[in-house]
Structure formats: C-alpha cells, structure tokens
Protein backbone atom coordinates (compact mmCIF):
# COMPACT_ATOMS: atom_id res chain seq x y z
CA MET A 1 -8.23 4.08 -17.42
CA GLN A 2 -4.96 2.22 -17.01
CA LEU A 3 -3.72 0.57 -13.84
CA ASP A 4 -0.63 2.80 -13.98
CA GLU A 5 -2.92 5.79 -13.36
CA LEU A 6 -3.88 4.50 -9.91
CA THR A 7 -2.10 4.66 -6.58
CA ASN A 8 -0.51 1.44 -5.36
CA ASP A 9 -3.22 1.20 -2.69
CA ALA A 10 -5.93 1.32 -5.35
CA LYS A 11 -4.13 -1.23 -7.54
CA PHE A 12 -3.86 -3.58 -4.59
CA LEU A 13 -7.47 -3.26 -3.46
CA LEU A 14 -8.73 -3.65 -7.03
CA SER A 15 -6.63 -6.78 -7.58
CA VAL A 16 -7.87 -8.31 -4.30
CA MET A 17 -11.47 -7.52 -5.23
CA TYR A 18 -11.04 -8.92 -8.74
CA LYS A 19 -9.48 -12.11 -7.36
CA GLN A 20 -12.52 -12.49 -5.10
CA TYR A 21 -14.83 -11.83 -8.06
CA ILE A 22 -13.12 -14.57 -10.12
CA SER A 23 -13.24 -17.00 -7.19
CA ASP A 24 -16.95 -16.30 -6.65
CA ARG A 25 -17.73 -16.77 -10.35
CA LYS A 26 -15.85 -20.06 -10.43
CA SER A 27 -17.83 -21.13 -7.34
CA GLY A 28 -21.10 -20.62 -9.23
CA HIS A 29 -22.14 -17.15 -8.08
CA THR A 30 -23.93 -14.96 -10.59
CA LYS A 31 -22.12 -11.91 -11.95
CA ARG A 32 -24.38 -9.70 -9.85
CA GLU A 33 -23.53 -11.62 -6.68
CA ALA A 34 -19.80 -11.76 -7.46
CA LYS A 35 -19.57 -8.00 -8.14
CA PHE A 36 -21.20 -7.12 -4.81
CA PHE A 37 -18.86 -6.41 -1.89
CA GLY A 38 -21.27 -4.86 0.59
CA SER A 39 -20.26 -1.76 2.51
CA GLU A 40 -16.79 -0.31 2.99
CA ILE A 41 -16.84 -1.78 6.50
CA ARG A 42 -17.57 -5.25 5.14
CA THR A 43 -14.89 -4.76 2.47
CA HIS A 44 -12.45 -3.79 5.21
CA ASP A 45 -13.38 -6.70 7.45
CA THR A 46 -13.39 -9.41 4.78
CA LEU A 47 -10.65 -8.28 2.39
CA MET A 48 -8.50 -5.55 3.91
CA SER A 49 -8.48 -6.02 7.68
CA GLU A 50 -4.76 -5.19 7.86
CA TRP A 51 -5.53 -1.65 6.65
CA GLU A 52 -7.00 1.20 8.66
CA GLN A 53 -10.71 1.67 7.96
CA ASP A 54 -10.07 5.23 6.74
CA ASP A 55 -7.53 3.96 4.18
CA VAL A 56 -10.11 1.53 2.80
CA HIS A 57 -12.60 4.41 2.60
CA GLU A 58 -10.17 6.65 0.71
CA THR A 59 -9.12 3.87 -1.65
CA ILE A 60 -12.74 2.99 -2.43
CA ASN A 61 -13.30 6.68 -3.19
CA GLU A 62 -10.34 6.68 -5.59
CA LEU A 63 -11.59 3.59 -7.40
CA SER A 64 -15.08 5.08 -7.57
CA ARG A 65 -13.79 8.37 -9.04
CA ASN A 66 -12.02 6.33 -11.69
CA LYS A 67 -15.22 4.38 -12.46
CA LEU A 68 -13.76 1.07 -11.31
CA LEU A 69 -16.23 0.70 -8.46
CA ASP A 70 -19.93 1.53 -8.46
CA VAL A 71 -20.60 2.99 -5.03
CA ILE A 72 -23.69 4.26 -3.24
CA TYR A 73 -22.84 6.51 -0.33
CA GLY A 74 -24.78 7.01 2.88
CA ASN A 75 -23.83 8.59 6.22
CA ASP A 76 -20.40 9.62 4.84
CA GLU A 77 -19.40 6.06 3.97
CA ALA A 78 -19.58 3.71 1.02
CA ALA A 79 -22.76 1.83 1.94
CA ILE A 80 -22.87 -0.35 -1.19
CA VAL A 81 -19.73 -1.26 -3.14
CA ASN A 82 -19.81 -3.11 -6.46
CA LEU A 83 -17.00 -3.93 -8.85
CA SER A 84 -17.83 -2.05 -12.05
CA THR A 85 -17.96 -3.47 -15.54
CA ASN A 86 -15.06 -1.13 -16.40
CA ALA A 87 -12.95 -2.77 -13.69
CA ILE A 88 -13.80 -6.26 -14.86
CA VAL A 89 -12.89 -5.41 -18.46
CA LEU A 90 -9.62 -3.77 -17.38
CA MET A 91 -8.63 -6.73 -15.24
CA GLU A 92 -9.75 -9.32 -17.83
CA HIS A 93 -7.46 -7.72 -20.40
CA LYS A 94 -4.56 -7.70 -17.95
CA PHE A 95 -4.99 -11.13 -16.35
CA GLN A 96 -7.37 -13.25 -18.49
CA ASP A 97 -8.99 -14.59 -15.29
CA LYS A 98 -5.76 -16.31 -14.18
CA VAL A 99 -5.87 -16.29 -10.39
CA ASP A 100 -2.13 -17.00 -10.10
CA SER A 101 -1.34 -13.93 -12.21
CA ILE A 102 -3.66 -11.80 -10.10
CA LEU A 103 -2.07 -13.06 -6.87
CA ASN A 104 1.45 -12.41 -8.17
CA TYR A 105 0.44 -8.89 -9.19
CA ALA A 106 -1.22 -8.19 -5.82
CA THR A 107 1.83 -9.48 -3.94
CA LYS A 108 4.14 -7.28 -6.01
CA ILE A 109 1.99 -4.18 -5.47
CA LYS A 110 1.64 -4.87 -1.74
CA THR A 111 5.42 -4.62 -1.33
CA LEU A 112 5.25 -1.08 -2.77
CA ILE A 113 2.68 0.17 -0.28
CA THR A 114 4.05 2.09 2.67
CA PHE A 115 1.89 1.62 5.75
C-alpha cells in the first residue's frame, strides 16, 4: 500500500491519527495505548470534528479495507478503531516520526479536500 493509492480524505485522517500516535508515544503511552482511537464517534469528536460523522465512517472503512486500521464493527459502526502495524510502518518510512513533517503533509492534503 502506498499513500498515493488512498483518497485525500484517507490520507488526511491517517496523517492526523499517526501524529496523535507519535505524540502519545512521546508522552509515555505504550504502543497498545497509542494505537487505540476508540470508536468512530470518539475519533470524530477528538480528531475530526469539522467533518460530518458519515465522512469519518466512510474514511475509516477505506483505511480498514486497505489494512491501515484494525477495526471491529458493531451496530453498523466502527466500535473499536486501532492504527495498524501496516500504517505505522508506512508512515515511519515516509516521515521518520518527525511531527513537523507530518503536520506539513496533513496541512497540504487538507487543502485538497473538497467539503
């Protein structure tokens, strides 16, 4: 999987989630804790509140299909969302855990999203 194979929405959400993962790791959280994002509703409320809930749902589905999120579904929603090892490896190779690089990338991608 390459980032270029994702929609701009998926690239943006993944970069925001990875930035949060790096921040949590640097704050002393375990990998397991840092990879955990809760439900799609929590992900929406804490990371993507400017998006419609349905757009977060669809983007989580896209990232899950591409094995970049590990998701457990319940009641037609993503009940448990975790950043996958595949996503971490992909983002490590692209950004080497440099938060500034991740932020610059996310800002660039956000300008390409039409909503």
